[in-house]
Amino acid sequence: MTIVAVGLHVVNTTVLIISWRSCETIDPAEPAEKSLPNGWCGVRLSGPRWEKTRYCAQCRKSVPGLDHHCTWLQTCIGKSNYAQFFTVACTGTIQFLLQVVYAGLCLLWLHNHLLDDAGAFDYVVVGCLVTCFVTSFPCMLMYFVLLGFHLWLMILGYGTYEWMLRRRKEQRAKRAKTSTDSSNTQETTSPEIDIAVVKTCEMEAEVQVREVNVL
């Protein structure tokens, strides 16, 4: 089991590093046909989503098929390097998932087989495994969220930038609807307030007339 886990870990880490490096070194402003003529591992992105060129204010360049600006990689993610970015998301998820599963299984085995006369080295190993599990678990969750979000965007058929624009548009529409409803409510209640004021004035006038008659 250990040999298999180490082998998977090495292969996955190698793919992760290569895709990460490729994602950072490729200029996203260059056409994908120029930077990667054969695509990334044979994958070529096509469709209306990848033909739109947008300007990134942080990189100060126009990027074909701009998806978003990644602060972790310090580069824009567009048509030229989105496949590498998605590979990073997949391999990163697998990486931390393997670490969590392997550390958890090792801790479970040590808990069942560790004897009372265990030495200091055994407790050092346990401490390392606990540290690996505690640090890898939140990273695994973050990678799961990242991968799930981009899979969801693929199903919807648009990128991160378009999703943000649509969300802002929906929020503005909700705010406009809320303000319209509140103004309509005020207009509806204002006649009732006017009627109440008129009735109050009439009652005060009647009281004054009665006082005059009494005098």
N, C-alpha and C. Protein backbone atom coordinates (compact mmCIF):
# COMPACT_ATOMS: atom_id res chain seq x y z
N MET A 1 0.83 -1.20 0.00
CA MET A 1 0.00 0.00 0.00
C MET A 1 0.86 1.26 0.00
N THR A 2 1.94 1.22 0.79
CA THR A 2 2.82 2.39 0.87
C THR A 2 3.48 2.67 -0.47
N ILE A 3 3.93 1.61 -1.15
CA ILE A 3 4.59 1.78 -2.45
C ILE A 3 3.62 2.37 -3.47
N VAL A 4 2.38 1.89 -3.46
CA VAL A 4 1.37 2.40 -4.39
C VAL A 4 1.07 3.87 -4.10
N ALA A 5 0.92 4.20 -2.81
CA ALA A 5 0.63 5.59 -2.43
C ALA A 5 1.76 6.52 -2.83
N VAL A 6 3.00 6.09 -2.58
CA VAL A 6 4.15 6.92 -2.95
C VAL A 6 4.24 7.08 -4.47
N GLY A 7 3.99 6.00 -5.21
CA GLY A 7 4.02 6.09 -6.67
C GLY A 7 2.98 7.05 -7.21
N LEU A 8 1.75 6.95 -6.71
CA LEU A 8 0.70 7.88 -7.13
C LEU A 8 1.05 9.31 -6.76
N HIS A 9 1.62 9.47 -5.58
CA HIS A 9 1.99 10.80 -5.11
C HIS A 9 3.05 11.42 -6.01
N VAL A 10 4.06 10.64 -6.39
CA VAL A 10 5.14 11.15 -7.24
C VAL A 10 4.62 11.53 -8.62
N VAL A 11 3.82 10.66 -9.22
CA VAL A 11 3.27 10.94 -10.56
C VAL A 11 2.37 12.17 -10.52
N ASN A 12 1.49 12.24 -9.53
CA ASN A 12 0.57 13.36 -9.44
C ASN A 12 1.31 14.67 -9.18
N THR A 13 2.32 14.62 -8.31
CA THR A 13 3.10 15.82 -8.02
C THR A 13 3.85 16.30 -9.25
N THR A 14 4.38 15.38 -10.04
CA THR A 14 5.10 15.74 -11.27
C THR A 14 4.18 16.45 -12.25
N VAL A 15 2.98 15.90 -12.44
CA VAL A 15 2.01 16.54 -13.35
C VAL A 15 1.60 17.90 -12.81
N LEU A 16 1.43 18.00 -11.51
CA LEU A 16 1.04 19.27 -10.89
C LEU A 16 2.10 20.34 -11.12
N ILE A 17 3.36 20.01 -10.90
CA ILE A 17 4.44 20.98 -11.06
C ILE A 17 4.58 21.41 -12.52
N ILE A 18 4.50 20.44 -13.44
CA ILE A 18 4.63 20.77 -14.87
C ILE A 18 3.50 21.68 -15.34
N SER A 19 2.28 21.35 -14.95
CA SER A 19 1.13 22.17 -15.36
C SER A 19 1.18 23.55 -14.71
N TRP A 20 1.60 23.60 -13.44
CA TRP A 20 1.72 24.89 -12.73
C TRP A 20 2.75 25.77 -13.44
N ARG A 21 3.91 25.17 -13.76
CA ARG A 21 4.98 25.92 -14.43
C ARG A 21 4.54 26.39 -15.80
N SER A 22 3.86 25.55 -16.54
CA SER A 22 3.38 25.93 -17.87
C SER A 22 2.35 27.03 -17.78
N CYS A 23 1.50 26.97 -16.77
CA CYS A 23 0.46 27.99 -16.61
C CYS A 23 1.07 29.36 -16.31
N GLU A 24 2.18 29.39 -15.58
CA GLU A 24 2.82 30.65 -15.21
C GLU A 24 3.70 31.21 -16.33
N THR A 25 4.37 30.36 -17.06
CA THR A 25 5.34 30.83 -18.05
C THR A 25 4.71 31.25 -19.37
N ILE A 26 3.59 30.68 -19.72
CA ILE A 26 2.93 31.04 -20.99
C ILE A 26 2.31 32.42 -20.87
N ASP A 27 2.53 33.25 -21.87
CA ASP A 27 1.92 34.57 -21.92
C ASP A 27 0.47 34.43 -22.35
N PRO A 28 -0.48 34.74 -21.47
CA PRO A 28 -1.90 34.56 -21.84
C PRO A 28 -2.37 35.50 -22.93
N ALA A 29 -1.60 36.57 -23.19
CA ALA A 29 -2.00 37.50 -24.24
C ALA A 29 -1.70 36.96 -25.63
N GLU A 30 -0.82 35.97 -25.72
CA GLU A 30 -0.51 35.38 -27.02
C GLU A 30 -1.62 34.43 -27.44
N PRO A 31 -1.87 34.32 -28.72
CA PRO A 31 -2.88 33.34 -29.19
C PRO A 31 -2.47 31.93 -28.81
N ALA A 32 -3.45 31.11 -28.49
CA ALA A 32 -3.16 29.73 -28.09
C ALA A 32 -2.50 28.95 -29.21
N GLU A 33 -2.82 29.30 -30.46
CA GLU A 33 -2.22 28.59 -31.59
C GLU A 33 -0.72 28.86 -31.69
N LYS A 34 -0.27 29.99 -31.13
CA LYS A 34 1.14 30.33 -31.18
C LYS A 34 1.90 29.77 -30.00
N SER A 35 1.33 29.87 -28.79
CA SER A 35 2.02 29.39 -27.60
C SER A 35 2.03 27.87 -27.51
N LEU A 36 0.91 27.24 -27.86
CA LEU A 36 0.81 25.77 -27.85
C LEU A 36 0.13 25.32 -29.14
N PRO A 37 0.90 25.14 -30.20
CA PRO A 37 0.28 24.77 -31.49
C PRO A 37 -0.50 23.46 -31.43
N ASN A 38 -0.02 22.52 -30.63
CA ASN A 38 -0.68 21.21 -30.53
C ASN A 38 -1.61 21.10 -29.33
N GLY A 39 -1.81 22.23 -28.62
CA GLY A 39 -2.67 22.20 -27.45
C GLY A 39 -1.96 21.66 -26.23
N TRP A 40 -2.66 21.66 -25.10
CA TRP A 40 -2.11 21.13 -23.85
C TRP A 40 -2.52 19.67 -23.73
N CYS A 41 -1.55 18.78 -23.90
CA CYS A 41 -1.81 17.33 -23.88
C CYS A 41 -2.86 16.95 -24.92
N GLY A 42 -2.84 17.66 -26.05
CA GLY A 42 -3.79 17.39 -27.12
C GLY A 42 -5.12 18.08 -26.97
N VAL A 43 -5.32 18.84 -25.89
CA VAL A 43 -6.59 19.52 -25.63
C VAL A 43 -6.53 20.92 -26.22
N ARG A 44 -7.49 21.25 -27.07
CA ARG A 44 -7.61 22.57 -27.66
C ARG A 44 -8.98 23.15 -27.33
N LEU A 45 -8.99 24.35 -26.81
CA LEU A 45 -10.24 25.00 -26.42
C LEU A 45 -10.83 25.73 -27.61
N SER A 46 -12.12 25.57 -27.80
CA SER A 46 -12.81 26.23 -28.91
C SER A 46 -14.23 26.57 -28.47
N GLY A 47 -14.80 27.55 -29.16
CA GLY A 47 -16.16 27.97 -28.84
C GLY A 47 -16.23 29.47 -28.62
N PRO A 48 -17.43 30.03 -28.56
CA PRO A 48 -17.59 31.48 -28.38
C PRO A 48 -16.96 32.00 -27.10
N ARG A 49 -16.95 31.19 -26.06
CA ARG A 49 -16.39 31.62 -24.77
C ARG A 49 -14.92 31.99 -24.90
N TRP A 50 -14.19 31.28 -25.75
CA TRP A 50 -12.74 31.47 -25.84
C TRP A 50 -12.35 32.43 -26.96
N GLU A 51 -13.29 32.93 -27.72
CA GLU A 51 -12.96 33.84 -28.82
C GLU A 51 -13.05 35.30 -28.39
N LYS A 52 -13.65 35.59 -27.24
CA LYS A 52 -13.77 36.97 -26.76
C LYS A 52 -12.46 37.41 -26.11
N THR A 53 -11.99 38.58 -26.49
CA THR A 53 -10.77 39.15 -25.92
C THR A 53 -11.16 40.26 -24.94
N ARG A 54 -10.66 40.16 -23.72
CA ARG A 54 -10.96 41.14 -22.68
C ARG A 54 -9.66 41.70 -22.11
N TYR A 55 -9.77 42.90 -21.56
CA TYR A 55 -8.59 43.58 -21.01
C TYR A 55 -8.51 43.33 -19.51
N CYS A 56 -7.31 42.95 -19.05
CA CYS A 56 -7.06 42.74 -17.63
C CYS A 56 -6.33 43.96 -17.08
N ALA A 57 -6.95 44.65 -16.12
CA ALA A 57 -6.34 45.86 -15.57
C ALA A 57 -5.11 45.55 -14.72
N GLN A 58 -5.07 44.36 -14.10
CA GLN A 58 -3.92 44.01 -13.27
C GLN A 58 -2.69 43.67 -14.10
N CYS A 59 -2.89 42.93 -15.17
CA CYS A 59 -1.76 42.58 -16.06
C CYS A 59 -1.52 43.64 -17.13
N ARG A 60 -2.51 44.51 -17.35
CA ARG A 60 -2.43 45.55 -18.36
C ARG A 60 -2.19 44.97 -19.75
N LYS A 61 -2.99 43.99 -20.09
CA LYS A 61 -2.89 43.37 -21.40
C LYS A 61 -4.24 42.79 -21.78
N SER A 62 -4.47 42.68 -23.08
CA SER A 62 -5.70 42.06 -23.59
C SER A 62 -5.47 40.56 -23.74
N VAL A 63 -6.37 39.79 -23.15
CA VAL A 63 -6.20 38.33 -23.09
C VAL A 63 -7.33 37.66 -23.86
N PRO A 64 -7.01 36.86 -24.87
CA PRO A 64 -8.06 36.09 -25.56
C PRO A 64 -8.69 35.05 -24.63
N GLY A 65 -10.01 35.04 -24.59
CA GLY A 65 -10.71 34.07 -23.75
C GLY A 65 -10.44 34.23 -22.28
N LEU A 66 -10.33 35.48 -21.81
CA LEU A 66 -10.01 35.73 -20.40
C LEU A 66 -11.06 35.11 -19.48
N ASP A 67 -10.61 34.26 -18.58
CA ASP A 67 -11.51 33.65 -17.59
C ASP A 67 -11.46 34.42 -16.28
N HIS A 68 -10.25 34.65 -15.76
CA HIS A 68 -10.07 35.44 -14.54
C HIS A 68 -8.59 35.71 -14.35
N HIS A 69 -8.27 36.58 -13.40
CA HIS A 69 -6.88 36.82 -13.02
C HIS A 69 -6.61 36.07 -11.73
N CYS A 70 -5.67 35.13 -11.78
CA CYS A 70 -5.37 34.29 -10.63
C CYS A 70 -4.29 34.95 -9.78
N THR A 71 -4.64 35.32 -8.55
CA THR A 71 -3.66 35.95 -7.65
C THR A 71 -2.64 34.95 -7.13
N TRP A 72 -3.00 33.67 -7.08
CA TRP A 72 -2.06 32.65 -6.59
C TRP A 72 -0.96 32.39 -7.61
N LEU A 73 -1.33 32.36 -8.89
CA LEU A 73 -0.35 32.13 -9.95
C LEU A 73 0.24 33.42 -10.50
N GLN A 74 -0.34 34.57 -10.09
CA GLN A 74 0.12 35.88 -10.55
C GLN A 74 0.10 35.99 -12.08
N THR A 75 -0.97 35.53 -12.67
CA THR A 75 -1.12 35.62 -14.12
C THR A 75 -2.59 35.53 -14.49
N CYS A 76 -2.89 35.95 -15.70
CA CYS A 76 -4.26 35.81 -16.20
C CYS A 76 -4.48 34.39 -16.69
N ILE A 77 -5.69 33.93 -16.54
CA ILE A 77 -6.08 32.61 -17.04
C ILE A 77 -6.99 32.82 -18.23
N GLY A 78 -6.49 32.43 -19.41
CA GLY A 78 -7.25 32.60 -20.64
C GLY A 78 -7.22 31.35 -21.49
N LYS A 79 -7.42 31.55 -22.77
CA LYS A 79 -7.48 30.42 -23.69
C LYS A 79 -6.15 29.68 -23.76
N SER A 80 -5.03 30.41 -23.61
CA SER A 80 -3.71 29.79 -23.76
C SER A 80 -3.33 28.89 -22.60
N ASN A 81 -3.84 29.20 -21.39
CA ASN A 81 -3.39 28.44 -20.21
C ASN A 81 -4.52 27.95 -19.31
N TYR A 82 -5.77 27.99 -19.79
CA TYR A 82 -6.85 27.50 -18.94
C TYR A 82 -6.77 25.99 -18.75
N ALA A 83 -6.36 25.26 -19.79
CA ALA A 83 -6.25 23.80 -19.66
C ALA A 83 -5.22 23.43 -18.60
N GLN A 84 -4.11 24.18 -18.55
CA GLN A 84 -3.10 23.93 -17.52
C GLN A 84 -3.65 24.27 -16.13
N PHE A 85 -4.40 25.38 -16.06
CA PHE A 85 -5.00 25.77 -14.78
C PHE A 85 -5.97 24.71 -14.28
N PHE A 86 -6.78 24.17 -15.18
CA PHE A 86 -7.72 23.13 -14.78
C PHE A 86 -6.98 21.86 -14.36
N THR A 87 -5.85 21.57 -15.01
CA THR A 87 -5.02 20.44 -14.60
C THR A 87 -4.46 20.65 -13.20
N VAL A 88 -4.07 21.88 -12.89
CA VAL A 88 -3.59 22.20 -11.54
C VAL A 88 -4.70 21.97 -10.52
N ALA A 89 -5.92 22.38 -10.85
CA ALA A 89 -7.05 22.18 -9.93
C ALA A 89 -7.31 20.69 -9.70
N CYS A 90 -7.25 19.90 -10.76
CA CYS A 90 -7.50 18.45 -10.63
C CYS A 90 -6.39 17.76 -9.84
N THR A 91 -5.14 18.01 -10.23
CA THR A 91 -4.02 17.35 -9.55
C THR A 91 -3.86 17.84 -8.11
N GLY A 92 -4.16 19.11 -7.86
CA GLY A 92 -4.10 19.61 -6.49
C GLY A 92 -5.14 18.93 -5.60
N THR A 93 -6.33 18.73 -6.14
CA THR A 93 -7.37 18.02 -5.39
C THR A 93 -6.94 16.59 -5.09
N ILE A 94 -6.40 15.90 -6.10
CA ILE A 94 -5.93 14.53 -5.89
C ILE A 94 -4.78 14.49 -4.90
N GLN A 95 -3.88 15.47 -5.00
CA GLN A 95 -2.70 15.52 -4.13
C GLN A 95 -3.10 15.54 -2.66
N PHE A 96 -3.93 16.50 -2.28
CA PHE A 96 -4.29 16.63 -0.88
C PHE A 96 -5.27 15.55 -0.44
N LEU A 97 -6.06 15.03 -1.37
CA LEU A 97 -6.93 13.90 -1.03
C LEU A 97 -6.10 12.68 -0.68
N LEU A 98 -5.05 12.41 -1.45
CA LEU A 98 -4.15 11.29 -1.15
C LEU A 98 -3.48 11.48 0.20
N GLN A 99 -3.04 12.70 0.48
CA GLN A 99 -2.35 12.95 1.75
C GLN A 99 -3.29 12.76 2.93
N VAL A 100 -4.53 13.22 2.80
CA VAL A 100 -5.49 13.07 3.90
C VAL A 100 -5.83 11.60 4.11
N VAL A 101 -6.10 10.88 3.02
CA VAL A 101 -6.47 9.47 3.14
C VAL A 101 -5.31 8.65 3.70
N TYR A 102 -4.11 8.86 3.17
CA TYR A 102 -2.96 8.07 3.61
C TYR A 102 -2.62 8.37 5.07
N ALA A 103 -2.60 9.66 5.44
CA ALA A 103 -2.30 10.02 6.83
C ALA A 103 -3.37 9.48 7.77
N GLY A 104 -4.64 9.54 7.36
CA GLY A 104 -5.70 9.02 8.20
C GLY A 104 -5.61 7.52 8.40
N LEU A 105 -5.32 6.78 7.32
CA LEU A 105 -5.18 5.32 7.44
C LEU A 105 -3.98 4.94 8.30
N CYS A 106 -2.87 5.67 8.15
CA CYS A 106 -1.69 5.38 8.97
C CYS A 106 -1.96 5.66 10.44
N LEU A 107 -2.64 6.75 10.74
CA LEU A 107 -2.97 7.06 12.13
C LEU A 107 -3.92 6.02 12.71
N LEU A 108 -4.87 5.57 11.90
CA LEU A 108 -5.79 4.53 12.37
C LEU A 108 -5.05 3.24 12.65
N TRP A 109 -4.11 2.87 11.78
CA TRP A 109 -3.34 1.64 11.99
C TRP A 109 -2.45 1.76 13.23
N LEU A 110 -1.81 2.91 13.40
CA LEU A 110 -0.96 3.10 14.58
C LEU A 110 -1.77 3.11 15.87
N HIS A 111 -2.98 3.64 15.79
CA HIS A 111 -3.83 3.66 16.98
C HIS A 111 -4.22 2.25 17.41
N ASN A 112 -4.40 1.36 16.44
CA ASN A 112 -4.79 -0.02 16.76
C ASN A 112 -3.62 -0.92 17.10
N HIS A 113 -2.41 -0.58 16.63
CA HIS A 113 -1.27 -1.47 16.80
C HIS A 113 -0.14 -0.88 17.64
N LEU A 114 -0.24 0.40 17.98
CA LEU A 114 0.84 1.01 18.76
C LEU A 114 0.80 0.47 20.19
N LEU A 115 1.90 -0.07 20.62
CA LEU A 115 1.98 -0.67 21.96
C LEU A 115 2.33 0.38 23.00
N ASP A 116 2.17 -0.02 24.25
CA ASP A 116 2.47 0.90 25.34
C ASP A 116 3.96 1.23 25.44
N ASP A 117 4.79 0.31 24.97
CA ASP A 117 6.24 0.53 25.06
C ASP A 117 6.80 1.18 23.80
N ALA A 118 5.96 1.97 23.08
CA ALA A 118 6.43 2.63 21.87
C ALA A 118 7.50 3.65 22.21
N GLY A 119 8.48 3.77 21.34
CA GLY A 119 9.58 4.68 21.58
C GLY A 119 9.28 6.10 21.13
N ALA A 120 10.29 6.95 21.30
CA ALA A 120 10.12 8.36 20.94
C ALA A 120 9.95 8.54 19.43
N PHE A 121 10.61 7.68 18.65
CA PHE A 121 10.50 7.78 17.19
C PHE A 121 9.07 7.54 16.73
N ASP A 122 8.38 6.60 17.39
CA ASP A 122 6.99 6.32 17.02
C ASP A 122 6.10 7.54 17.22
N TYR A 123 6.33 8.24 18.32
CA TYR A 123 5.52 9.43 18.59
C TYR A 123 5.88 10.58 17.65
N VAL A 124 7.14 10.62 17.20
CA VAL A 124 7.51 11.62 16.20
C VAL A 124 6.78 11.35 14.88
N VAL A 125 6.70 10.07 14.51
CA VAL A 125 5.96 9.69 13.30
C VAL A 125 4.50 10.06 13.42
N VAL A 126 3.91 9.79 14.58
CA VAL A 126 2.51 10.14 14.81
C VAL A 126 2.31 11.65 14.70
N GLY A 127 3.23 12.41 15.27
CA GLY A 127 3.13 13.87 15.19
C GLY A 127 3.21 14.37 13.76
N CYS A 128 4.10 13.78 12.96
CA CYS A 128 4.22 14.17 11.55
C CYS A 128 2.95 13.84 10.78
N LEU A 129 2.37 12.67 11.05
CA LEU A 129 1.14 12.28 10.37
C LEU A 129 -0.03 13.18 10.75
N VAL A 130 -0.10 13.53 12.04
CA VAL A 130 -1.17 14.44 12.48
C VAL A 130 -1.01 15.81 11.82
N THR A 131 0.22 16.30 11.76
CA THR A 131 0.47 17.59 11.10
C THR A 131 0.09 17.53 9.63
N CYS A 132 0.44 16.43 8.97
CA CYS A 132 0.10 16.26 7.56
C CYS A 132 -1.41 16.25 7.36
N PHE A 133 -2.13 15.56 8.22
CA PHE A 133 -3.58 15.47 8.11
C PHE A 133 -4.24 16.83 8.35
N VAL A 134 -3.79 17.51 9.41
CA VAL A 134 -4.41 18.79 9.79
C VAL A 134 -4.17 19.86 8.72
N THR A 135 -2.97 19.89 8.15
CA THR A 135 -2.67 20.90 7.13
C THR A 135 -3.24 20.56 5.76
N SER A 136 -3.37 19.29 5.46
CA SER A 136 -3.85 18.88 4.14
C SER A 136 -5.36 18.94 4.01
N PHE A 137 -6.08 18.74 5.11
CA PHE A 137 -7.54 18.68 5.04
C PHE A 137 -8.16 19.99 4.57
N PRO A 138 -7.80 21.17 5.15
CA PRO A 138 -8.39 22.41 4.62
C PRO A 138 -7.97 22.70 3.18
N CYS A 139 -6.73 22.35 2.82
CA CYS A 139 -6.29 22.54 1.43
C CYS A 139 -7.10 21.67 0.48
N MET A 140 -7.41 20.46 0.92
CA MET A 140 -8.24 19.57 0.11
C MET A 140 -9.62 20.18 -0.11
N LEU A 141 -10.20 20.75 0.94
CA LEU A 141 -11.52 21.36 0.81
C LEU A 141 -11.49 22.54 -0.16
N MET A 142 -10.44 23.37 -0.07
CA MET A 142 -10.34 24.52 -0.96
C MET A 142 -10.19 24.09 -2.41
N TYR A 143 -9.40 23.06 -2.65
CA TYR A 143 -9.25 22.56 -4.02
C TYR A 143 -10.55 21.93 -4.52
N PHE A 144 -11.28 21.25 -3.64
CA PHE A 144 -12.57 20.69 -4.03
C PHE A 144 -13.53 21.80 -4.45
N VAL A 145 -13.54 22.90 -3.69
CA VAL A 145 -14.42 24.02 -4.03
C VAL A 145 -14.01 24.63 -5.37
N LEU A 146 -12.69 24.81 -5.57
CA LEU A 146 -12.20 25.38 -6.83
C LEU A 146 -12.57 24.50 -8.01
N LEU A 147 -12.31 23.21 -7.89
CA LEU A 147 -12.61 22.28 -8.98
C LEU A 147 -14.11 22.19 -9.23
N GLY A 148 -14.90 22.11 -8.17
CA GLY A 148 -16.35 22.04 -8.32
C GLY A 148 -16.92 23.29 -8.96
N PHE A 149 -16.37 24.46 -8.60
CA PHE A 149 -16.85 25.72 -9.18
C PHE A 149 -16.61 25.76 -10.68
N HIS A 150 -15.43 25.35 -11.13
CA HIS A 150 -15.13 25.40 -12.56
C HIS A 150 -15.87 24.31 -13.32
N LEU A 151 -16.12 23.17 -12.70
CA LEU A 151 -16.97 22.17 -13.35
C LEU A 151 -18.39 22.68 -13.52
N TRP A 152 -18.87 23.40 -12.51
CA TRP A 152 -20.21 23.99 -12.58
C TRP A 152 -20.28 25.04 -13.69
N LEU A 153 -19.20 25.85 -13.82
CA LEU A 153 -19.17 26.84 -14.89
C LEU A 153 -19.15 26.18 -16.27
N MET A 154 -18.46 25.04 -16.37
CA MET A 154 -18.45 24.31 -17.64
C MET A 154 -19.85 23.84 -18.01
N ILE A 155 -20.60 23.40 -17.01
CA ILE A 155 -21.98 22.96 -17.28
C ILE A 155 -22.85 24.13 -17.72
N LEU A 156 -22.65 25.29 -17.08
CA LEU A 156 -23.43 26.48 -17.44
C LEU A 156 -23.02 27.04 -18.80
N GLY A 157 -21.75 26.85 -19.16
CA GLY A 157 -21.30 27.28 -20.48
C GLY A 157 -20.66 28.65 -20.53
N TYR A 158 -20.26 29.21 -19.40
CA TYR A 158 -19.54 30.48 -19.43
C TYR A 158 -18.47 30.51 -18.35
N GLY A 159 -17.55 31.50 -18.46
CA GLY A 159 -16.39 31.56 -17.59
C GLY A 159 -16.62 32.34 -16.32
N THR A 160 -15.54 32.48 -15.55
CA THR A 160 -15.62 33.18 -14.26
C THR A 160 -16.00 34.64 -14.45
N TYR A 161 -15.38 35.31 -15.42
CA TYR A 161 -15.65 36.72 -15.66
C TYR A 161 -17.11 36.94 -16.05
N GLU A 162 -17.61 36.12 -16.94
CA GLU A 162 -19.02 36.23 -17.35
C GLU A 162 -19.95 35.92 -16.19
N TRP A 163 -19.57 34.96 -15.34
CA TRP A 163 -20.39 34.63 -14.18
C TRP A 163 -20.48 35.80 -13.22
N MET A 164 -19.35 36.51 -13.02
CA MET A 164 -19.34 37.68 -12.14
C MET A 164 -20.21 38.80 -12.72
N LEU A 165 -20.13 39.01 -14.03
CA LEU A 165 -20.96 40.04 -14.66
C LEU A 165 -22.44 39.72 -14.53
N ARG A 166 -22.79 38.46 -14.75
CA ARG A 166 -24.20 38.05 -14.62
C ARG A 166 -24.68 38.22 -13.18
N ARG A 167 -23.83 37.89 -12.23
CA ARG A 167 -24.21 38.01 -10.82
C ARG A 167 -24.42 39.47 -10.44
N ARG A 168 -23.52 40.36 -10.89
CA ARG A 168 -23.69 41.78 -10.61
C ARG A 168 -24.97 42.31 -11.25
N LYS A 169 -25.25 41.86 -12.46
CA LYS A 169 -26.47 42.29 -13.14
C LYS A 169 -27.71 41.84 -12.37
N GLU A 170 -27.70 40.62 -11.86
CA GLU A 170 -28.84 40.13 -11.08
C GLU A 170 -28.99 40.91 -9.78
N GLN A 171 -27.86 41.23 -9.12
CA GLN A 171 -27.92 41.99 -7.88
C GLN A 171 -28.47 43.39 -8.13
N ARG A 172 -28.04 44.03 -9.22
CA ARG A 172 -28.56 45.36 -9.54
C ARG A 172 -30.05 45.30 -9.85
N ALA A 173 -30.48 44.26 -10.54
CA ALA A 173 -31.90 44.11 -10.85
C ALA A 173 -32.72 43.94 -9.56
N LYS A 174 -32.18 43.16 -8.60
CA LYS A 174 -32.88 42.98 -7.33
C LYS A 174 -32.97 44.30 -6.57
N ARG A 175 -31.86 45.07 -6.57
CA ARG A 175 -31.88 46.35 -5.88
C ARG A 175 -32.88 47.31 -6.52
N ALA A 176 -32.90 47.33 -7.85
CA ALA A 176 -33.85 48.20 -8.54
C ALA A 176 -35.29 47.80 -8.24
N LYS A 177 -35.54 46.50 -8.19
CA LYS A 177 -36.88 46.01 -7.89
C LYS A 177 -37.27 46.36 -6.47
N THR A 178 -36.32 46.24 -5.54
CA THR A 178 -36.60 46.57 -4.14
C THR A 178 -36.92 48.04 -3.97
N SER A 179 -36.13 48.91 -4.64
CA SER A 179 -36.38 50.35 -4.54
C SER A 179 -37.71 50.72 -5.18
N THR A 180 -38.07 50.05 -6.28
CA THR A 180 -39.35 50.31 -6.94
C THR A 180 -40.51 49.89 -6.05
N ASP A 181 -40.38 48.72 -5.41
CA ASP A 181 -41.44 48.25 -4.52
C ASP A 181 -41.60 49.18 -3.32
N SER A 182 -40.49 49.68 -2.78
CA SER A 182 -40.58 50.58 -1.63
C SER A 182 -41.22 51.90 -2.01
N SER A 183 -40.89 52.42 -3.21
CA SER A 183 -41.52 53.67 -3.65
C SER A 183 -43.01 53.48 -3.90
N ASN A 184 -43.39 52.33 -4.46
CA ASN A 184 -44.81 52.05 -4.67
C ASN A 184 -45.55 51.94 -3.35
N THR A 185 -44.88 51.36 -2.34
CA THR A 185 -45.50 51.25 -1.02
C THR A 185 -45.73 52.61 -0.41
N GLN A 186 -44.75 53.50 -0.58
CA GLN A 186 -44.90 54.85 -0.04
C GLN A 186 -46.04 55.59 -0.74
N GLU A 187 -46.14 55.41 -2.06
CA GLU A 187 -47.22 56.06 -2.80
C GLU A 187 -48.58 55.52 -2.39
N THR A 188 -48.64 54.24 -2.05
CA THR A 188 -49.90 53.62 -1.65
C THR A 188 -50.34 54.09 -0.28
N THR A 189 -49.40 54.26 0.62
CA THR A 189 -49.75 54.64 1.99
C THR A 189 -49.95 56.13 2.15
N SER A 190 -49.44 56.95 1.24
CA SER A 190 -49.56 58.40 1.39
C SER A 190 -51.00 58.89 1.36
N PRO A 191 -51.92 58.40 0.50
CA PRO A 191 -53.32 58.85 0.55
C PRO A 191 -53.97 58.56 1.89
N GLU A 192 -53.66 57.44 2.50
CA GLU A 192 -54.24 57.13 3.80
C GLU A 192 -53.79 58.14 4.84
N ILE A 193 -52.51 58.55 4.75
CA ILE A 193 -52.01 59.54 5.70
C ILE A 193 -52.73 60.86 5.49
N ASP A 194 -52.96 61.26 4.20
CA ASP A 194 -53.67 62.52 3.92
C ASP A 194 -55.09 62.47 4.47
N ILE A 195 -55.78 61.35 4.31
CA ILE A 195 -57.15 61.23 4.83
C ILE A 195 -57.16 61.37 6.34
N ALA A 196 -56.19 60.76 7.02
CA ALA A 196 -56.12 60.86 8.47
C ALA A 196 -55.89 62.30 8.91
N VAL A 197 -55.05 63.02 8.18
CA VAL A 197 -54.79 64.43 8.52
C VAL A 197 -56.05 65.26 8.33
N VAL A 198 -56.78 65.01 7.25
CA VAL A 198 -58.02 65.76 7.00
C VAL A 198 -59.04 65.50 8.10
N LYS A 199 -59.19 64.24 8.50
CA LYS A 199 -60.14 63.92 9.57
C LYS A 199 -59.75 64.60 10.87
N THR A 200 -58.46 64.65 11.16
CA THR A 200 -57.99 65.30 12.38
C THR A 200 -58.32 66.79 12.35
N CYS A 201 -58.11 67.43 11.22
CA CYS A 201 -58.42 68.85 11.09
C CYS A 201 -59.92 69.11 11.25
N GLU A 202 -60.74 68.23 10.68
CA GLU A 202 -62.19 68.39 10.80
C GLU A 202 -62.62 68.26 12.26
N MET A 203 -62.03 67.29 13.00
CA MET A 203 -62.38 67.12 14.40
C MET A 203 -61.98 68.35 15.21
N GLU A 204 -60.80 68.90 14.93
CA GLU A 204 -60.38 70.10 15.64
C GLU A 204 -61.30 71.27 15.34
N ALA A 205 -61.75 71.37 14.10
CA ALA A 205 -62.67 72.46 13.74
C ALA A 205 -64.00 72.31 14.46
N GLU A 206 -64.53 71.09 14.56
CA GLU A 206 -65.78 70.86 15.28
C GLU A 206 -65.65 71.23 16.75
N VAL A 207 -64.49 70.88 17.36
CA VAL A 207 -64.29 71.23 18.77
C VAL A 207 -64.28 72.73 18.95
N GLN A 208 -63.62 73.45 18.04
CA GLN A 208 -63.58 74.91 18.14
C GLN A 208 -64.98 75.51 18.00
N VAL A 209 -65.80 74.96 17.09
CA VAL A 209 -67.17 75.47 16.91
C VAL A 209 -67.99 75.24 18.16
N ARG A 210 -67.84 74.09 18.80
CA ARG A 210 -68.57 73.81 20.03
C ARG A 210 -68.17 74.76 21.14
N GLU A 211 -66.88 75.05 21.24
CA GLU A 211 -66.42 75.98 22.28
C GLU A 211 -67.00 77.37 22.06
N VAL A 212 -67.08 77.79 20.79
CA VAL A 212 -67.64 79.10 20.48
C VAL A 212 -69.12 79.13 20.84
N ASN A 213 -69.86 78.07 20.54
CA ASN A 213 -71.28 78.01 20.85
C ASN A 213 -71.52 78.05 22.35
N VAL A 214 -70.62 77.39 23.10
CA VAL A 214 -70.77 77.39 24.55
C VAL A 214 -70.57 78.78 25.09
N LEU A 215 -69.59 79.50 24.57
CA LEU A 215 -69.35 80.86 25.02
C LEU A 215 -70.52 81.77 24.63
